[in-house]
Amino acid sequence: MARIRPLHNKILLTNLERGERTTKGGIIIADDSKITAGERGIRARWAEVYAIGPEQNDVEVGDWVLMDHGRWTEEYKLEDDGSTVSIWMGDPDGVLGISDNGRPDGV
């Protein structure tokens, strides 16, 4: 259970996809997560929903969502049940879709 409760329709994310990816065809997609001059990368990222606000009706805690590039905040480290969890606030309008099969391959 999350120790933080988002307000309104806010979404908190964890396990945000990082690092380079390799497609099934062997194409390497470089890690573009470095923040330079306000840029936040060029590709969408998978993340797990950690907590939702009471007005959020599109996603549920535990869903894996594909977030449009740059539609999340800086990483925040939170103590939860004795362990450190990295969370990001995701823009609800930045959710491109929800995985039907749980955690996507390669994340």
N, C-alpha and C. Protein backbone atom coordinates (compact mmCIF):
# COMPACT_ATOMS: atom_id res chain seq x y z
N MET A 1 0.84 -1.18 0.00
CA MET A 1 0.00 0.00 0.00
C MET A 1 0.89 1.25 0.00
N ALA A 2 0.60 2.16 -0.88
CA ALA A 2 1.38 3.39 -1.00
C ALA A 2 1.23 4.25 0.25
N ARG A 3 2.29 4.92 0.62
CA ARG A 3 2.28 5.80 1.79
C ARG A 3 2.00 7.24 1.39
N ILE A 4 1.63 7.46 0.17
CA ILE A 4 1.33 8.80 -0.32
C ILE A 4 0.05 8.69 -1.13
N ARG A 5 -0.81 9.68 -0.99
CA ARG A 5 -2.10 9.66 -1.66
C ARG A 5 -2.20 10.84 -2.61
N PRO A 6 -2.20 10.61 -3.91
CA PRO A 6 -2.31 11.71 -4.87
C PRO A 6 -3.68 12.37 -4.78
N LEU A 7 -3.75 13.61 -5.19
CA LEU A 7 -5.00 14.36 -5.20
C LEU A 7 -5.66 14.31 -6.57
N HIS A 8 -6.95 14.54 -6.59
CA HIS A 8 -7.75 14.68 -7.81
C HIS A 8 -7.54 13.49 -8.77
N ASN A 9 -7.14 13.76 -10.00
CA ASN A 9 -6.96 12.67 -10.98
C ASN A 9 -5.48 12.35 -11.22
N LYS A 10 -4.63 12.73 -10.28
CA LYS A 10 -3.18 12.55 -10.44
C LYS A 10 -2.80 11.07 -10.45
N ILE A 11 -1.68 10.78 -11.10
CA ILE A 11 -1.14 9.42 -11.20
C ILE A 11 0.31 9.44 -10.74
N LEU A 12 0.66 8.56 -9.81
CA LEU A 12 2.05 8.37 -9.42
C LEU A 12 2.54 7.08 -10.06
N LEU A 13 3.75 7.12 -10.62
CA LEU A 13 4.33 6.00 -11.34
C LEU A 13 5.56 5.48 -10.63
N THR A 14 5.87 4.22 -10.84
CA THR A 14 7.12 3.63 -10.38
C THR A 14 7.63 2.72 -11.50
N ASN A 15 8.83 2.22 -11.36
CA ASN A 15 9.42 1.33 -12.36
C ASN A 15 9.40 1.92 -13.77
N LEU A 16 9.65 3.23 -13.86
CA LEU A 16 9.71 3.89 -15.17
C LEU A 16 10.83 3.27 -15.99
N GLU A 17 10.52 2.88 -17.19
CA GLU A 17 11.49 2.25 -18.08
C GLU A 17 12.68 3.19 -18.31
N ARG A 18 13.89 2.64 -18.18
CA ARG A 18 15.11 3.42 -18.42
C ARG A 18 16.10 2.58 -19.19
N GLY A 19 17.09 3.25 -19.75
CA GLY A 19 18.14 2.53 -20.47
C GLY A 19 17.80 2.32 -21.93
N GLU A 20 18.77 1.76 -22.64
CA GLU A 20 18.54 1.52 -24.06
C GLU A 20 17.66 0.29 -24.24
N ARG A 21 17.01 0.22 -25.39
CA ARG A 21 16.16 -0.92 -25.74
C ARG A 21 16.64 -1.50 -27.05
N THR A 22 16.39 -2.77 -27.22
CA THR A 22 16.70 -3.43 -28.48
C THR A 22 15.40 -4.01 -29.03
N THR A 23 15.07 -3.66 -30.26
CA THR A 23 13.86 -4.18 -30.88
C THR A 23 14.04 -5.65 -31.24
N LYS A 24 12.94 -6.32 -31.57
CA LYS A 24 13.02 -7.72 -31.98
C LYS A 24 13.89 -7.89 -33.22
N GLY A 25 13.95 -6.85 -34.04
CA GLY A 25 14.78 -6.89 -35.24
C GLY A 25 16.24 -6.55 -35.00
N GLY A 26 16.60 -6.26 -33.72
CA GLY A 26 17.99 -6.00 -33.38
C GLY A 26 18.39 -4.53 -33.42
N ILE A 27 17.45 -3.64 -33.65
CA ILE A 27 17.76 -2.20 -33.67
C ILE A 27 17.89 -1.71 -32.24
N ILE A 28 18.98 -1.02 -31.94
CA ILE A 28 19.21 -0.49 -30.60
C ILE A 28 18.67 0.94 -30.54
N ILE A 29 17.76 1.16 -29.59
CA ILE A 29 17.22 2.50 -29.35
C ILE A 29 17.94 3.04 -28.13
N ALA A 30 18.72 4.08 -28.33
CA ALA A 30 19.57 4.62 -27.26
C ALA A 30 18.73 5.16 -26.10
N ASP A 31 19.34 5.15 -24.92
CA ASP A 31 18.72 5.76 -23.75
C ASP A 31 18.72 7.26 -23.95
N ASP A 32 17.55 7.85 -23.94
CA ASP A 32 17.44 9.29 -24.17
C ASP A 32 16.90 10.02 -22.95
N SER A 33 17.15 9.45 -21.78
CA SER A 33 16.56 10.01 -20.56
C SER A 33 17.36 11.16 -19.96
N LYS A 34 18.47 11.51 -20.53
CA LYS A 34 19.25 12.62 -20.00
C LYS A 34 18.49 13.93 -20.23
N ILE A 35 18.42 14.73 -19.21
CA ILE A 35 17.68 15.98 -19.30
C ILE A 35 18.64 17.10 -19.64
N THR A 36 18.45 17.69 -20.80
CA THR A 36 19.28 18.79 -21.25
C THR A 36 18.38 19.92 -21.71
N ALA A 37 18.56 21.07 -21.16
CA ALA A 37 17.79 22.26 -21.57
C ALA A 37 16.30 21.99 -21.58
N GLY A 38 15.81 21.29 -20.56
CA GLY A 38 14.38 21.05 -20.44
C GLY A 38 13.84 19.88 -21.24
N GLU A 39 14.69 19.22 -22.03
CA GLU A 39 14.22 18.08 -22.81
C GLU A 39 14.11 16.85 -21.91
N ARG A 40 13.16 15.99 -22.19
CA ARG A 40 12.94 14.81 -21.37
C ARG A 40 12.91 13.53 -22.20
N GLY A 41 13.55 13.52 -23.33
CA GLY A 41 13.59 12.30 -24.12
C GLY A 41 12.65 12.39 -25.31
N ILE A 42 12.79 11.39 -26.21
CA ILE A 42 12.02 11.45 -27.43
C ILE A 42 11.09 10.26 -27.61
N ARG A 43 11.11 9.31 -26.71
CA ARG A 43 10.25 8.14 -26.91
C ARG A 43 9.36 7.91 -25.69
N ALA A 44 8.26 7.26 -25.96
CA ALA A 44 7.34 6.90 -24.89
C ALA A 44 8.01 5.87 -23.97
N ARG A 45 7.56 5.81 -22.73
CA ARG A 45 8.14 4.89 -21.74
C ARG A 45 7.04 4.14 -21.00
N TRP A 46 7.31 2.89 -20.68
CA TRP A 46 6.41 2.11 -19.85
C TRP A 46 6.69 2.41 -18.38
N ALA A 47 5.65 2.42 -17.57
CA ALA A 47 5.78 2.61 -16.13
C ALA A 47 4.61 1.91 -15.44
N GLU A 48 4.82 1.57 -14.18
CA GLU A 48 3.78 0.93 -13.39
C GLU A 48 3.08 1.99 -12.54
N VAL A 49 1.75 1.90 -12.46
CA VAL A 49 0.98 2.85 -11.65
C VAL A 49 1.16 2.48 -10.18
N TYR A 50 1.68 3.42 -9.40
CA TYR A 50 1.97 3.23 -7.98
C TYR A 50 0.80 3.65 -7.11
N ALA A 51 0.17 4.77 -7.46
CA ALA A 51 -0.97 5.28 -6.70
C ALA A 51 -1.76 6.21 -7.61
N ILE A 52 -3.07 6.35 -7.31
CA ILE A 52 -3.92 7.23 -8.10
C ILE A 52 -4.77 8.09 -7.17
N GLY A 53 -5.17 9.25 -7.68
CA GLY A 53 -6.07 10.13 -6.94
C GLY A 53 -7.50 9.63 -7.00
N PRO A 54 -8.37 10.12 -6.13
CA PRO A 54 -9.75 9.63 -6.05
C PRO A 54 -10.59 9.91 -7.29
N GLU A 55 -10.19 10.86 -8.10
CA GLU A 55 -10.96 11.18 -9.31
C GLU A 55 -10.40 10.51 -10.57
N GLN A 56 -9.38 9.66 -10.41
CA GLN A 56 -8.77 8.99 -11.56
C GLN A 56 -9.57 7.74 -11.88
N ASN A 57 -10.15 7.68 -13.08
CA ASN A 57 -10.99 6.56 -13.48
C ASN A 57 -10.43 5.76 -14.65
N ASP A 58 -9.31 6.20 -15.22
CA ASP A 58 -8.79 5.56 -16.42
C ASP A 58 -7.80 4.44 -16.13
N VAL A 59 -7.06 4.54 -15.03
CA VAL A 59 -6.05 3.53 -14.70
C VAL A 59 -6.24 3.07 -13.27
N GLU A 60 -5.64 1.92 -12.95
CA GLU A 60 -5.70 1.38 -11.60
C GLU A 60 -4.28 1.13 -11.10
N VAL A 61 -4.12 1.10 -9.79
CA VAL A 61 -2.83 0.77 -9.20
C VAL A 61 -2.40 -0.61 -9.70
N GLY A 62 -1.14 -0.70 -10.14
CA GLY A 62 -0.61 -1.95 -10.66
C GLY A 62 -0.65 -2.05 -12.18
N ASP A 63 -1.44 -1.19 -12.85
CA ASP A 63 -1.46 -1.19 -14.31
C ASP A 63 -0.10 -0.77 -14.85
N TRP A 64 0.27 -1.29 -16.01
CA TRP A 64 1.45 -0.84 -16.75
C TRP A 64 0.95 0.06 -17.86
N VAL A 65 1.40 1.32 -17.83
CA VAL A 65 0.93 2.31 -18.80
C VAL A 65 2.08 2.79 -19.67
N LEU A 66 1.75 3.12 -20.90
CA LEU A 66 2.72 3.70 -21.82
C LEU A 66 2.52 5.21 -21.77
N MET A 67 3.55 5.92 -21.29
CA MET A 67 3.49 7.37 -21.12
C MET A 67 4.15 8.07 -22.30
N ASP A 68 3.47 9.07 -22.83
CA ASP A 68 4.03 9.90 -23.89
C ASP A 68 5.32 10.53 -23.39
N HIS A 69 6.29 10.73 -24.28
CA HIS A 69 7.60 11.23 -23.86
C HIS A 69 7.50 12.55 -23.10
N GLY A 70 8.23 12.59 -21.99
CA GLY A 70 8.32 13.81 -21.19
C GLY A 70 7.10 14.15 -20.38
N ARG A 71 6.14 13.24 -20.24
CA ARG A 71 4.91 13.54 -19.52
C ARG A 71 4.97 13.01 -18.08
N TRP A 72 6.15 13.15 -17.48
CA TRP A 72 6.34 12.76 -16.09
C TRP A 72 7.32 13.74 -15.46
N THR A 73 7.29 13.81 -14.14
CA THR A 73 8.15 14.74 -13.40
C THR A 73 9.51 14.12 -13.15
N GLU A 74 10.34 14.85 -12.46
CA GLU A 74 11.63 14.33 -12.00
C GLU A 74 11.39 13.18 -11.02
N GLU A 75 12.37 12.31 -10.90
CA GLU A 75 12.31 11.19 -9.96
C GLU A 75 12.31 11.70 -8.53
N TYR A 76 11.48 11.08 -7.69
CA TYR A 76 11.44 11.38 -6.28
C TYR A 76 11.58 10.06 -5.53
N LYS A 77 12.47 10.01 -4.55
CA LYS A 77 12.68 8.79 -3.77
C LYS A 77 11.83 8.87 -2.51
N LEU A 78 11.07 7.80 -2.26
CA LEU A 78 10.12 7.74 -1.17
C LEU A 78 10.41 6.50 -0.33
N GLU A 79 10.38 6.64 0.98
CA GLU A 79 10.52 5.49 1.87
C GLU A 79 9.15 4.84 2.02
N ASP A 80 9.07 3.54 1.70
CA ASP A 80 7.81 2.81 1.77
C ASP A 80 8.08 1.44 2.38
N ASP A 81 7.56 1.21 3.57
CA ASP A 81 7.73 -0.06 4.28
C ASP A 81 9.20 -0.47 4.40
N GLY A 82 10.07 0.49 4.71
CA GLY A 82 11.47 0.20 4.95
C GLY A 82 12.34 0.12 3.71
N SER A 83 11.77 0.29 2.55
CA SER A 83 12.58 0.29 1.34
C SER A 83 12.36 1.60 0.58
N THR A 84 13.30 1.94 -0.27
CA THR A 84 13.23 3.17 -1.04
C THR A 84 12.59 2.86 -2.39
N VAL A 85 11.59 3.66 -2.74
CA VAL A 85 10.87 3.50 -4.00
C VAL A 85 11.05 4.78 -4.80
N SER A 86 11.37 4.65 -6.08
CA SER A 86 11.44 5.81 -6.97
C SER A 86 10.06 6.03 -7.58
N ILE A 87 9.56 7.26 -7.48
CA ILE A 87 8.26 7.56 -8.06
C ILE A 87 8.36 8.81 -8.93
N TRP A 88 7.45 8.91 -9.86
CA TRP A 88 7.31 10.06 -10.75
C TRP A 88 5.83 10.39 -10.81
N MET A 89 5.47 11.65 -10.93
CA MET A 89 4.08 12.00 -11.18
C MET A 89 3.88 12.01 -12.68
N GLY A 90 2.92 11.24 -13.15
CA GLY A 90 2.63 11.17 -14.57
C GLY A 90 1.44 12.04 -14.91
N ASP A 91 1.50 12.72 -16.03
CA ASP A 91 0.39 13.53 -16.51
C ASP A 91 -0.72 12.60 -17.00
N PRO A 92 -1.92 12.66 -16.42
CA PRO A 92 -3.00 11.77 -16.87
C PRO A 92 -3.27 11.88 -18.37
N ASP A 93 -3.08 13.06 -18.95
CA ASP A 93 -3.29 13.23 -20.39
C ASP A 93 -2.16 12.64 -21.21
N GLY A 94 -1.08 12.21 -20.57
CA GLY A 94 0.06 11.63 -21.26
C GLY A 94 0.01 10.11 -21.37
N VAL A 95 -1.03 9.49 -20.81
CA VAL A 95 -1.16 8.04 -20.89
C VAL A 95 -1.63 7.66 -22.29
N LEU A 96 -0.78 6.93 -23.01
CA LEU A 96 -1.11 6.52 -24.37
C LEU A 96 -1.89 5.21 -24.40
N GLY A 97 -1.67 4.37 -23.40
CA GLY A 97 -2.38 3.10 -23.36
C GLY A 97 -1.98 2.30 -22.13
N ILE A 98 -2.70 1.19 -21.94
CA ILE A 98 -2.48 0.31 -20.80
C ILE A 98 -2.17 -1.08 -21.34
N SER A 99 -1.16 -1.73 -20.77
CA SER A 99 -0.80 -3.08 -21.20
C SER A 99 -1.87 -4.07 -20.74
N ASP A 100 -2.33 -4.91 -21.65
CA ASP A 100 -3.29 -5.96 -21.31
C ASP A 100 -2.63 -7.16 -20.67
N ASN A 101 -1.30 -7.26 -20.80
CA ASN A 101 -0.58 -8.44 -20.34
C ASN A 101 0.34 -8.17 -19.16
N GLY A 102 0.06 -7.14 -18.38
CA GLY A 102 0.94 -6.83 -17.26
C GLY A 102 2.23 -6.19 -17.72
N ARG A 103 3.31 -6.49 -17.02
CA ARG A 103 4.61 -5.88 -17.32
C ARG A 103 5.06 -6.21 -18.75
N PRO A 104 5.29 -5.17 -19.57
CA PRO A 104 5.73 -5.38 -20.95
C PRO A 104 7.14 -5.97 -21.02
N ASP A 105 7.43 -6.71 -22.07
CA ASP A 105 8.76 -7.27 -22.27
C ASP A 105 9.79 -6.15 -22.38
N GLY A 106 10.97 -6.37 -21.84
CA GLY A 106 12.06 -5.42 -21.96
C GLY A 106 12.07 -4.31 -20.94
N VAL A 107 11.11 -4.31 -20.01
CA VAL A 107 11.07 -3.24 -19.00
C VAL A 107 11.73 -3.72 -17.74
